[in-house]
Amino acid sequence: MPRPLRIGVNALQSIPGRTGGGEVYLYNILSALAKIDSHNIYTIFSNNKMDMNICPKKENFRVSQRTLSGKTCFGRFFLEQIILPLQVLQIHLDVILTPIF
């Protein structure tokens, strides 16, 4: 069996009640992935406002939660343009999915 892929999910833009259908989409895609994939490793990058129930309770799913909320333009810029790329390099991700814009 090939080595597990390290897959990142950028949920930094997810703010409960403010991202509309994106929040529902994120929950559903993570739930579906948890049902069909126990091999690859998923890291969900979130701000401190994200509902942690959105992340499946599976061994191959992890959350990297930041202390910034991402509500302000500066917060979003800082999280997505500085913190996220550094984390991606640090944990050697193979691919990253950004479902919410």
PDB file of N, CA and C in Angstrom:
ATOM      1  N   MET A   1       0.844  -1.176   0.000  1.00  0.00           N
ATOM      2  CA  MET A   1       0.000   0.000   0.000  1.00  0.00           C
ATOM      3  C   MET A   1       0.894   1.245   0.000  1.00  0.00           C
ATOM      4  N   PRO A   2       0.551   2.257  -0.834  1.00  0.00           N
ATOM      5  CA  PRO A   2       1.359   3.481  -0.866  1.00  0.00           C
ATOM      6  C   PRO A   2       1.255   4.246   0.460  1.00  0.00           C
ATOM      7  N   ARG A   3       2.237   5.120   0.667  1.00  0.00           N
ATOM      8  CA  ARG A   3       2.212   5.898   1.903  1.00  0.00           C
ATOM      9  C   ARG A   3       0.977   6.795   1.909  1.00  0.00           C
ATOM     10  N   PRO A   4       0.470   7.106   3.100  1.00  0.00           N
ATOM     11  CA  PRO A   4      -0.704   7.985   3.175  1.00  0.00           C
ATOM     12  C   PRO A   4      -0.375   9.393   2.688  1.00  0.00           C
ATOM     13  N   LEU A   5      -1.312   9.979   1.989  1.00  0.00           N
ATOM     14  CA  LEU A   5      -1.172  11.380   1.600  1.00  0.00           C
ATOM     15  C   LEU A   5      -1.450  12.251   2.817  1.00  0.00           C
ATOM     16  N   ARG A   6      -0.785  13.371   2.891  1.00  0.00           N
ATOM     17  CA  ARG A   6      -1.058  14.369   3.936  1.00  0.00           C
ATOM     18  C   ARG A   6      -1.878  15.466   3.271  1.00  0.00           C
ATOM     19  N   ILE A   7      -3.137  15.531   3.643  1.00  0.00           N
ATOM     20  CA  ILE A   7      -4.088  16.425   3.004  1.00  0.00           C
ATOM     21  C   ILE A   7      -4.514  17.508   3.991  1.00  0.00           C
ATOM     22  N   GLY A   8      -4.374  18.748   3.575  1.00  0.00           N
ATOM     23  CA  GLY A   8      -4.811  19.867   4.406  1.00  0.00           C
ATOM     24  C   GLY A   8      -6.154  20.382   3.931  1.00  0.00           C
ATOM     25  N   VAL A   9      -6.966  20.846   4.874  1.00  0.00           N
ATOM     26  CA  VAL A   9      -8.249  21.454   4.549  1.00  0.00           C
ATOM     27  C   VAL A   9      -8.250  22.847   5.176  1.00  0.00           C
ATOM     28  N   ASN A  10      -8.285  23.865   4.338  1.00  0.00           N
ATOM     29  CA  ASN A  10      -8.253  25.245   4.806  1.00  0.00           C
ATOM     30  C   ASN A  10      -9.671  25.675   5.188  1.00  0.00           C
ATOM     31  N   ALA A  11      -9.950  25.682   6.488  1.00  0.00           N
ATOM     32  CA  ALA A  11     -11.252  26.122   6.991  1.00  0.00           C
ATOM     33  C   ALA A  11     -11.107  27.433   7.759  1.00  0.00           C
ATOM     34  N   LEU A  12     -10.060  28.183   7.450  1.00  0.00           N
ATOM     35  CA  LEU A  12      -9.803  29.431   8.167  1.00  0.00           C
ATOM     36  C   LEU A  12     -10.892  30.473   7.940  1.00  0.00           C
ATOM     37  N   GLN A  13     -11.587  30.402   6.810  1.00  0.00           N
ATOM     38  CA  GLN A  13     -12.656  31.361   6.506  1.00  0.00           C
ATOM     39  C   GLN A  13     -13.985  30.983   7.153  1.00  0.00           C
ATOM     40  N   SER A  14     -14.077  29.804   7.735  1.00  0.00           N
ATOM     41  CA  SER A  14     -15.336  29.323   8.307  1.00  0.00           C
ATOM     42  C   SER A  14     -15.648  30.042   9.616  1.00  0.00           C
ATOM     43  N   ILE A  15     -16.714  30.831   9.574  1.00  0.00           N
ATOM     44  CA  ILE A  15     -17.199  31.515  10.772  1.00  0.00           C
ATOM     45  C   ILE A  15     -18.657  31.090  10.938  1.00  0.00           C
ATOM     46  N   PRO A  16     -18.975  30.371  12.012  1.00  0.00           N
ATOM     47  CA  PRO A  16     -20.333  29.847  12.187  1.00  0.00           C
ATOM     48  C   PRO A  16     -21.421  30.893  11.955  1.00  0.00           C
ATOM     49  N   GLY A  17     -22.367  30.532  11.094  1.00  0.00           N
ATOM     50  CA  GLY A  17     -23.483  31.409  10.807  1.00  0.00           C
ATOM     51  C   GLY A  17     -23.185  32.524   9.819  1.00  0.00           C
ATOM     52  N   ARG A  18     -21.949  32.625   9.336  1.00  0.00           N
ATOM     53  CA  ARG A  18     -21.599  33.735   8.438  1.00  0.00           C
ATOM     54  C   ARG A  18     -21.052  33.265   7.092  1.00  0.00           C
ATOM     55  N   THR A  19     -20.844  31.972   6.914  1.00  0.00           N
ATOM     56  CA  THR A  19     -20.290  31.506   5.641  1.00  0.00           C
ATOM     57  C   THR A  19     -21.324  30.758   4.808  1.00  0.00           C
ATOM     58  N   GLY A  20     -22.573  30.823   5.205  1.00  0.00           N
ATOM     59  CA  GLY A  20     -23.662  30.264   4.412  1.00  0.00           C
ATOM     60  C   GLY A  20     -23.486  28.789   4.096  1.00  0.00           C
ATOM     61  N   GLY A  21     -23.697  28.448   2.825  1.00  0.00           N
ATOM     62  CA  GLY A  21     -23.625  27.063   2.397  1.00  0.00           C
ATOM     63  C   GLY A  21     -22.237  26.464   2.497  1.00  0.00           C
ATOM     64  N   GLY A  22     -21.211  27.315   2.567  1.00  0.00           N
ATOM     65  CA  GLY A  22     -19.841  26.817   2.674  1.00  0.00           C
ATOM     66  C   GLY A  22     -19.622  25.990   3.920  1.00  0.00           C
ATOM     67  N   GLU A  23     -20.249  26.392   4.998  1.00  0.00           N
ATOM     68  CA  GLU A  23     -20.128  25.657   6.261  1.00  0.00           C
ATOM     69  C   GLU A  23     -20.765  24.265   6.143  1.00  0.00           C
ATOM     70  N   VAL A  24     -21.932  24.199   5.510  1.00  0.00           N
ATOM     71  CA  VAL A  24     -22.627  22.923   5.295  1.00  0.00           C
ATOM     72  C   VAL A  24     -21.802  22.040   4.366  1.00  0.00           C
ATOM     73  N   TYR A  25     -21.284  22.628   3.303  1.00  0.00           N
ATOM     74  CA  TYR A  25     -20.446  21.887   2.355  1.00  0.00           C
ATOM     75  C   TYR A  25     -19.223  21.299   3.054  1.00  0.00           C
ATOM     76  N   LEU A  26     -18.558  22.117   3.862  1.00  0.00           N
ATOM     77  CA  LEU A  26     -17.368  21.661   4.579  1.00  0.00           C
ATOM     78  C   LEU A  26     -17.696  20.486   5.494  1.00  0.00           C
ATOM     79  N   TYR A  27     -18.762  20.602   6.255  1.00  0.00           N
ATOM     80  CA  TYR A  27     -19.177  19.518   7.150  1.00  0.00           C
ATOM     81  C   TYR A  27     -19.454  18.242   6.356  1.00  0.00           C
ATOM     82  N   ASN A  28     -20.194  18.370   5.264  1.00  0.00           N
ATOM     83  CA  ASN A  28     -20.566  17.188   4.477  1.00  0.00           C
ATOM     84  C   ASN A  28     -19.371  16.542   3.779  1.00  0.00           C
ATOM     85  N   ILE A  29     -18.466  17.348   3.260  1.00  0.00           N
ATOM     86  CA  ILE A  29     -17.311  16.755   2.571  1.00  0.00           C
ATOM     87  C   ILE A  29     -16.389  16.048   3.571  1.00  0.00           C
ATOM     88  N   LEU A  30     -16.212  16.637   4.756  1.00  0.00           N
ATOM     89  CA  LEU A  30     -15.376  15.988   5.764  1.00  0.00           C
ATOM     90  C   LEU A  30     -16.021  14.691   6.266  1.00  0.00           C
ATOM     91  N   SER A  31     -17.331  14.715   6.441  1.00  0.00           N
ATOM     92  CA  SER A  31     -18.048  13.502   6.865  1.00  0.00           C
ATOM     93  C   SER A  31     -17.927  12.399   5.823  1.00  0.00           C
ATOM     94  N   ALA A  32     -18.086  12.766   4.545  1.00  0.00           N
ATOM     95  CA  ALA A  32     -17.981  11.779   3.468  1.00  0.00           C
ATOM     96  C   ALA A  32     -16.567  11.214   3.378  1.00  0.00           C
ATOM     97  N   LEU A  33     -15.564  12.066   3.494  1.00  0.00           N
ATOM     98  CA  LEU A  33     -14.176  11.596   3.456  1.00  0.00           C
ATOM     99  C   LEU A  33     -13.883  10.652   4.617  1.00  0.00           C
ATOM    100  N   ALA A  34     -14.419  10.957   5.782  1.00  0.00           N
ATOM    101  CA  ALA A  34     -14.199  10.100   6.958  1.00  0.00           C
ATOM    102  C   ALA A  34     -14.795   8.708   6.752  1.00  0.00           C
ATOM    103  N   LYS A  35     -15.903   8.637   6.013  1.00  0.00           N
ATOM    104  CA  LYS A  35     -16.556   7.346   5.764  1.00  0.00           C
ATOM    105  C   LYS A  35     -15.786   6.480   4.772  1.00  0.00           C
ATOM    106  N   ILE A  36     -15.142   7.106   3.794  1.00  0.00           N
ATOM    107  CA  ILE A  36     -14.518   6.324   2.725  1.00  0.00           C
ATOM    108  C   ILE A  36     -13.002   6.225   2.819  1.00  0.00           C
ATOM    109  N   ASP A  37     -12.375   7.005   3.704  1.00  0.00           N
ATOM    110  CA  ASP A  37     -10.915   7.047   3.713  1.00  0.00           C
ATOM    111  C   ASP A  37     -10.350   7.004   5.131  1.00  0.00           C
ATOM    112  N   SER A  38      -9.759   5.887   5.464  1.00  0.00           N
ATOM    113  CA  SER A  38      -9.097   5.772   6.767  1.00  0.00           C
ATOM    114  C   SER A  38      -7.576   5.678   6.598  1.00  0.00           C
ATOM    115  N   HIS A  39      -7.114   5.821   5.368  1.00  0.00           N
ATOM    116  CA  HIS A  39      -5.689   5.669   5.066  1.00  0.00           C
ATOM    117  C   HIS A  39      -4.932   7.005   5.094  1.00  0.00           C
ATOM    118  N   ASN A  40      -5.477   8.009   4.429  1.00  0.00           N
ATOM    119  CA  ASN A  40      -4.802   9.302   4.330  1.00  0.00           C
ATOM    120  C   ASN A  40      -4.972  10.124   5.598  1.00  0.00           C
ATOM    121  N   ILE A  41      -4.076  11.084   5.799  1.00  0.00           N
ATOM    122  CA  ILE A  41      -4.077  11.908   7.006  1.00  0.00           C
ATOM    123  C   ILE A  41      -4.578  13.300   6.655  1.00  0.00           C
ATOM    124  N   TYR A  42      -5.624  13.740   7.346  1.00  0.00           N
ATOM    125  CA  TYR A  42      -6.244  15.039   7.093  1.00  0.00           C
ATOM    126  C   TYR A  42      -5.949  15.986   8.248  1.00  0.00           C
ATOM    127  N   THR A  43      -5.533  17.208   7.900  1.00  0.00           N
ATOM    128  CA  THR A  43      -5.346  18.269   8.893  1.00  0.00           C
ATOM    129  C   THR A  43      -6.275  19.405   8.525  1.00  0.00           C
ATOM    130  N   ILE A  44      -7.191  19.734   9.428  1.00  0.00           N
ATOM    131  CA  ILE A  44      -8.132  20.824   9.205  1.00  0.00           C
ATOM    132  C   ILE A  44      -7.583  22.069   9.893  1.00  0.00           C
ATOM    133  N   PHE A  45      -7.318  23.104   9.111  1.00  0.00           N
ATOM    134  CA  PHE A  45      -6.801  24.366   9.645  1.00  0.00           C
ATOM    135  C   PHE A  45      -7.994  25.275   9.908  1.00  0.00           C
ATOM    136  N   SER A  46      -8.158  25.708  11.160  1.00  0.00           N
ATOM    137  CA  SER A  46      -9.331  26.497  11.511  1.00  0.00           C
ATOM    138  C   SER A  46      -8.960  27.716  12.343  1.00  0.00           C
ATOM    139  N   ASN A  47      -9.897  28.672  12.377  1.00  0.00           N
ATOM    140  CA  ASN A  47      -9.748  29.813  13.268  1.00  0.00           C
ATOM    141  C   ASN A  47     -10.392  29.448  14.610  1.00  0.00           C
ATOM    142  N   ASN A  48     -10.358  30.359  15.555  1.00  0.00           N
ATOM    143  CA  ASN A  48     -10.882  30.027  16.879  1.00  0.00           C
ATOM    144  C   ASN A  48     -12.400  30.118  16.981  1.00  0.00           C
ATOM    145  N   LYS A  49     -13.078  30.465  15.904  1.00  0.00           N
ATOM    146  CA  LYS A  49     -14.545  30.543  15.908  1.00  0.00           C
ATOM    147  C   LYS A  49     -15.198  29.293  15.328  1.00  0.00           C
ATOM    148  N   MET A  50     -14.410  28.426  14.688  1.00  0.00           N
ATOM    149  CA  MET A  50     -14.983  27.257  14.025  1.00  0.00           C
ATOM    150  C   MET A  50     -15.532  26.263  15.032  1.00  0.00           C
ATOM    151  N   ASP A  51     -16.661  25.691  14.709  1.00  0.00           N
ATOM    152  CA  ASP A  51     -17.279  24.655  15.532  1.00  0.00           C
ATOM    153  C   ASP A  51     -16.473  23.363  15.362  1.00  0.00           C
ATOM    154  N   MET A  52     -15.915  22.858  16.441  1.00  0.00           N
ATOM    155  CA  MET A  52     -15.055  21.673  16.367  1.00  0.00           C
ATOM    156  C   MET A  52     -15.818  20.398  16.029  1.00  0.00           C
ATOM    157  N   ASN A  53     -17.146  20.421  16.114  1.00  0.00           N
ATOM    158  CA  ASN A  53     -17.938  19.253  15.722  1.00  0.00           C
ATOM    159  C   ASN A  53     -17.900  19.019  14.221  1.00  0.00           C
ATOM    160  N   ILE A  54     -17.398  19.981  13.478  1.00  0.00           N
ATOM    161  CA  ILE A  54     -17.305  19.848  12.026  1.00  0.00           C
ATOM    162  C   ILE A  54     -16.232  18.822  11.635  1.00  0.00           C
ATOM    163  N   CYS A  55     -15.272  18.597  12.505  1.00  0.00           N
ATOM    164  CA  CYS A  55     -14.186  17.649  12.238  1.00  0.00           C
ATOM    165  C   CYS A  55     -14.587  16.250  12.683  1.00  0.00           C
ATOM    166  N   PRO A  56     -14.515  15.275  11.775  1.00  0.00           N
ATOM    167  CA  PRO A  56     -14.859  13.899  12.146  1.00  0.00           C
ATOM    168  C   PRO A  56     -13.976  13.376  13.283  1.00  0.00           C
ATOM    169  N   LYS A  57     -14.552  12.570  14.132  1.00  0.00           N
ATOM    170  CA  LYS A  57     -13.826  11.966  15.258  1.00  0.00           C
ATOM    171  C   LYS A  57     -13.175  10.663  14.780  1.00  0.00           C
ATOM    172  N   LYS A  58     -12.207  10.810  13.897  1.00  0.00           N
ATOM    173  CA  LYS A  58     -11.472   9.673  13.342  1.00  0.00           C
ATOM    174  C   LYS A  58      -9.995   9.871  13.617  1.00  0.00           C
ATOM    175  N   GLU A  59      -9.271   8.769  13.690  1.00  0.00           N
ATOM    176  CA  GLU A  59      -7.844   8.799  14.002  1.00  0.00           C
ATOM    177  C   GLU A  59      -7.022   9.550  12.960  1.00  0.00           C
ATOM    178  N   ASN A  60      -7.457   9.534  11.714  1.00  0.00           N
ATOM    179  CA  ASN A  60      -6.680  10.168  10.653  1.00  0.00           C
ATOM    180  C   ASN A  60      -7.104  11.614  10.376  1.00  0.00           C
ATOM    181  N   PHE A  61      -7.945  12.196  11.243  1.00  0.00           N
ATOM    182  CA  PHE A  61      -8.349  13.599  11.130  1.00  0.00           C
ATOM    183  C   PHE A  61      -7.807  14.377  12.322  1.00  0.00           C
ATOM    184  N   ARG A  62      -7.162  15.504  12.022  1.00  0.00           N
ATOM    185  CA  ARG A  62      -6.591  16.356  13.067  1.00  0.00           C
ATOM    186  C   ARG A  62      -7.023  17.788  12.830  1.00  0.00           C
ATOM    187  N   VAL A  63      -7.043  18.562  13.911  1.00  0.00           N
ATOM    188  CA  VAL A  63      -7.387  19.983  13.794  1.00  0.00           C
ATOM    189  C   VAL A  63      -6.195  20.815  14.239  1.00  0.00           C
ATOM    190  N   SER A  64      -5.896  21.827  13.460  1.00  0.00           N
ATOM    191  CA  SER A  64      -4.881  22.809  13.828  1.00  0.00           C
ATOM    192  C   SER A  64      -5.616  24.135  13.968  1.00  0.00           C
ATOM    193  N   GLN A  65      -5.975  24.476  15.205  1.00  0.00           N
ATOM    194  CA  GLN A  65      -6.788  25.668  15.437  1.00  0.00           C
ATOM    195  C   GLN A  65      -5.919  26.850  15.830  1.00  0.00           C
ATOM    196  N   ARG A  66      -6.141  27.970  15.172  1.00  0.00           N
ATOM    197  CA  ARG A  66      -5.401  29.201  15.441  1.00  0.00           C
ATOM    198  C   ARG A  66      -6.144  30.042  16.463  1.00  0.00           C
ATOM    199  N   THR A  67      -5.424  30.924  17.131  1.00  0.00           N
ATOM    200  CA  THR A  67      -6.043  31.768  18.145  1.00  0.00           C
ATOM    201  C   THR A  67      -6.731  32.988  17.559  1.00  0.00           C
ATOM    202  N   LEU A  68      -6.456  33.332  16.315  1.00  0.00           N
ATOM    203  CA  LEU A  68      -7.128  34.460  15.666  1.00  0.00           C
ATOM    204  C   LEU A  68      -8.478  34.028  15.114  1.00  0.00           C
ATOM    205  N   SER A  69      -9.414  34.961  15.078  1.00  0.00           N
ATOM    206  CA  SER A  69     -10.765  34.611  14.631  1.00  0.00           C
ATOM    207  C   SER A  69     -10.921  34.648  13.111  1.00  0.00           C
ATOM    208  N   GLY A  70     -10.150  35.438  12.423  1.00  0.00           N
ATOM    209  CA  GLY A  70     -10.313  35.549  10.978  1.00  0.00           C
ATOM    210  C   GLY A  70     -11.481  36.443  10.587  1.00  0.00           C
ATOM    211  N   LYS A  71     -12.085  37.135  11.562  1.00  0.00           N
ATOM    212  CA  LYS A  71     -13.212  38.018  11.264  1.00  0.00           C
ATOM    213  C   LYS A  71     -12.775  39.305  10.570  1.00  0.00           C
ATOM    214  N   THR A  72     -11.580  39.794  10.867  1.00  0.00           N
ATOM    215  CA  THR A  72     -11.100  41.029  10.276  1.00  0.00           C
ATOM    216  C   THR A  72     -10.264  40.733   9.036  1.00  0.00           C
ATOM    217  N   CYS A  73     -10.126  41.716   8.177  1.00  0.00           N
ATOM    218  CA  CYS A  73      -9.295  41.547   6.979  1.00  0.00           C
ATOM    219  C   CYS A  73      -7.856  41.223   7.368  1.00  0.00           C
ATOM    220  N   PHE A  74      -7.331  41.918   8.378  1.00  0.00           N
ATOM    221  CA  PHE A  74      -5.962  41.649   8.821  1.00  0.00           C
ATOM    222  C   PHE A  74      -5.837  40.226   9.346  1.00  0.00           C
ATOM    223  N   GLY A  75      -6.820  39.777  10.123  1.00  0.00           N
ATOM    224  CA  GLY A  75      -6.781  38.419  10.673  1.00  0.00           C
ATOM    225  C   GLY A  75      -6.772  37.371   9.584  1.00  0.00           C
ATOM    226  N   ARG A  76      -7.645  37.532   8.590  1.00  0.00           N
ATOM    227  CA  ARG A  76      -7.694  36.574   7.475  1.00  0.00           C
ATOM    228  C   ARG A  76      -6.398  36.592   6.681  1.00  0.00           C
ATOM    229  N   PHE A  77      -5.908  37.782   6.397  1.00  0.00           N
ATOM    230  CA  PHE A  77      -4.652  37.906   5.649  1.00  0.00           C
ATOM    231  C   PHE A  77      -3.518  37.227   6.404  1.00  0.00           C
ATOM    232  N   PHE A  78      -3.393  37.523   7.679  1.00  0.00           N
ATOM    233  CA  PHE A  78      -2.324  36.963   8.492  1.00  0.00           C
ATOM    234  C   PHE A  78      -2.408  35.439   8.551  1.00  0.00           C
ATOM    235  N   LEU A  79      -3.614  34.914   8.766  1.00  0.00           N
ATOM    236  CA  LEU A  79      -3.790  33.466   8.851  1.00  0.00           C
ATOM    237  C   LEU A  79      -3.489  32.777   7.523  1.00  0.00           C
ATOM    238  N   GLU A  80      -4.071  33.289   6.439  1.00  0.00           N
ATOM    239  CA  GLU A  80      -3.951  32.589   5.159  1.00  0.00           C
ATOM    240  C   GLU A  80      -2.668  32.859   4.396  1.00  0.00           C
ATOM    241  N   GLN A  81      -2.086  34.022   4.567  1.00  0.00           N
ATOM    242  CA  GLN A  81      -0.912  34.363   3.788  1.00  0.00           C
ATOM    243  C   GLN A  81       0.409  34.139   4.520  1.00  0.00           C
ATOM    244  N   ILE A  82       0.364  34.033   5.826  1.00  0.00           N
ATOM    245  CA  ILE A  82       1.603  33.864   6.593  1.00  0.00           C
ATOM    246  C   ILE A  82       1.600  32.573   7.405  1.00  0.00           C
ATOM    247  N   ILE A  83       0.606  32.396   8.249  1.00  0.00           N
ATOM    248  CA  ILE A  83       0.580  31.233   9.140  1.00  0.00           C
ATOM    249  C   ILE A  83       0.348  29.927   8.369  1.00  0.00           C
ATOM    250  N   LEU A  84      -0.663  29.887   7.514  1.00  0.00           N
ATOM    251  CA  LEU A  84      -0.985  28.655   6.785  1.00  0.00           C
ATOM    252  C   LEU A  84       0.179  28.145   5.928  1.00  0.00           C
ATOM    253  N   PRO A  85       0.821  28.990   5.101  1.00  0.00           N
ATOM    254  CA  PRO A  85       1.954  28.475   4.317  1.00  0.00           C
ATOM    255  C   PRO A  85       3.090  27.923   5.187  1.00  0.00           C
ATOM    256  N   LEU A  86       3.338  28.554   6.317  1.00  0.00           N
ATOM    257  CA  LEU A  86       4.380  28.044   7.219  1.00  0.00           C
ATOM    258  C   LEU A  86       4.008  26.673   7.771  1.00  0.00           C
ATOM    259  N   GLN A  87       2.742  26.504   8.132  1.00  0.00           N
ATOM    260  CA  GLN A  87       2.299  25.206   8.640  1.00  0.00           C
ATOM    261  C   GLN A  87       2.342  24.134   7.557  1.00  0.00           C
ATOM    262  N   VAL A  88       1.959  24.502   6.348  1.00  0.00           N
ATOM    263  CA  VAL A  88       1.988  23.555   5.225  1.00  0.00           C
ATOM    264  C   VAL A  88       3.407  23.046   5.011  1.00  0.00           C
ATOM    265  N   LEU A  89       4.371  23.941   5.052  1.00  0.00           N
ATOM    266  CA  LEU A  89       5.769  23.542   4.905  1.00  0.00           C
ATOM    267  C   LEU A  89       6.243  22.688   6.084  1.00  0.00           C
ATOM    268  N   GLN A  90       5.817  23.054   7.266  1.00  0.00           N
ATOM    269  CA  GLN A  90       6.262  22.359   8.471  1.00  0.00           C
ATOM    270  C   GLN A  90       5.782  20.909   8.519  1.00  0.00           C
ATOM    271  N   ILE A  91       4.540  20.656   8.111  1.00  0.00           N
ATOM    272  CA  ILE A  91       4.026  19.277   8.205  1.00  0.00           C
ATOM    273  C   ILE A  91       4.076  18.539   6.869  1.00  0.00           C
ATOM    274  N   HIS A  92       4.671  19.171   5.848  1.00  0.00           N
ATOM    275  CA  HIS A  92       4.915  18.522   4.554  1.00  0.00           C
ATOM    276  C   HIS A  92       3.637  17.991   3.909  1.00  0.00           C
ATOM    277  N   LEU A  93       2.651  18.878   3.730  1.00  0.00           N
ATOM    278  CA  LEU A  93       1.403  18.469   3.078  1.00  0.00           C
ATOM    279  C   LEU A  93       1.643  18.131   1.613  1.00  0.00           C
ATOM    280  N   ASP A  94       0.872  17.173   1.113  1.00  0.00           N
ATOM    281  CA  ASP A  94       0.919  16.826  -0.310  1.00  0.00           C
ATOM    282  C   ASP A  94      -0.046  17.687  -1.113  1.00  0.00           C
ATOM    283  N   VAL A  95      -1.177  18.052  -0.506  1.00  0.00           N
ATOM    284  CA  VAL A  95      -2.205  18.827  -1.195  1.00  0.00           C
ATOM    285  C   VAL A  95      -3.031  19.565  -0.137  1.00  0.00           C
ATOM    286  N   ILE A  96      -3.634  20.685  -0.553  1.00  0.00           N
ATOM    287  CA  ILE A  96      -4.518  21.422   0.352  1.00  0.00           C
ATOM    288  C   ILE A  96      -5.795  21.793  -0.380  1.00  0.00           C
ATOM    289  N   LEU A  97      -6.916  21.604   0.297  1.00  0.00           N
ATOM    290  CA  LEU A  97      -8.239  21.928  -0.221  1.00  0.00           C
ATOM    291  C   LEU A  97      -8.729  23.194   0.491  1.00  0.00           C
ATOM    292  N   THR A  98      -9.196  24.173  -0.283  1.00  0.00           N
ATOM    293  CA  THR A  98      -9.754  25.395   0.290  1.00  0.00           C
ATOM    294  C   THR A  98     -11.203  25.506  -0.175  1.00  0.00           C
ATOM    295  N   PRO A  99     -12.145  24.935   0.587  1.00  0.00           N
ATOM    296  CA  PRO A  99     -13.529  24.870   0.119  1.00  0.00           C
ATOM    297  C   PRO A  99     -14.349  26.138   0.328  1.00  0.00           C
ATOM    298  N   ILE A 100     -13.954  27.048   1.206  1.00  0.00           N
ATOM    299  CA  ILE A 100     -14.766  28.225   1.517  1.00  0.00           C
ATOM    300  C   ILE A 100     -14.048  29.493   1.092  1.00  0.00           C
ATOM    301  N   PHE A 101     -14.725  30.319   0.308  1.00  0.00           N
ATOM    302  CA  PHE A 101     -14.182  31.627  -0.083  1.00  0.00           C
ATOM    303  C   PHE A 101     -15.230  32.671   0.205  1.00  0.00           C
TER     304      PHE A 101
END
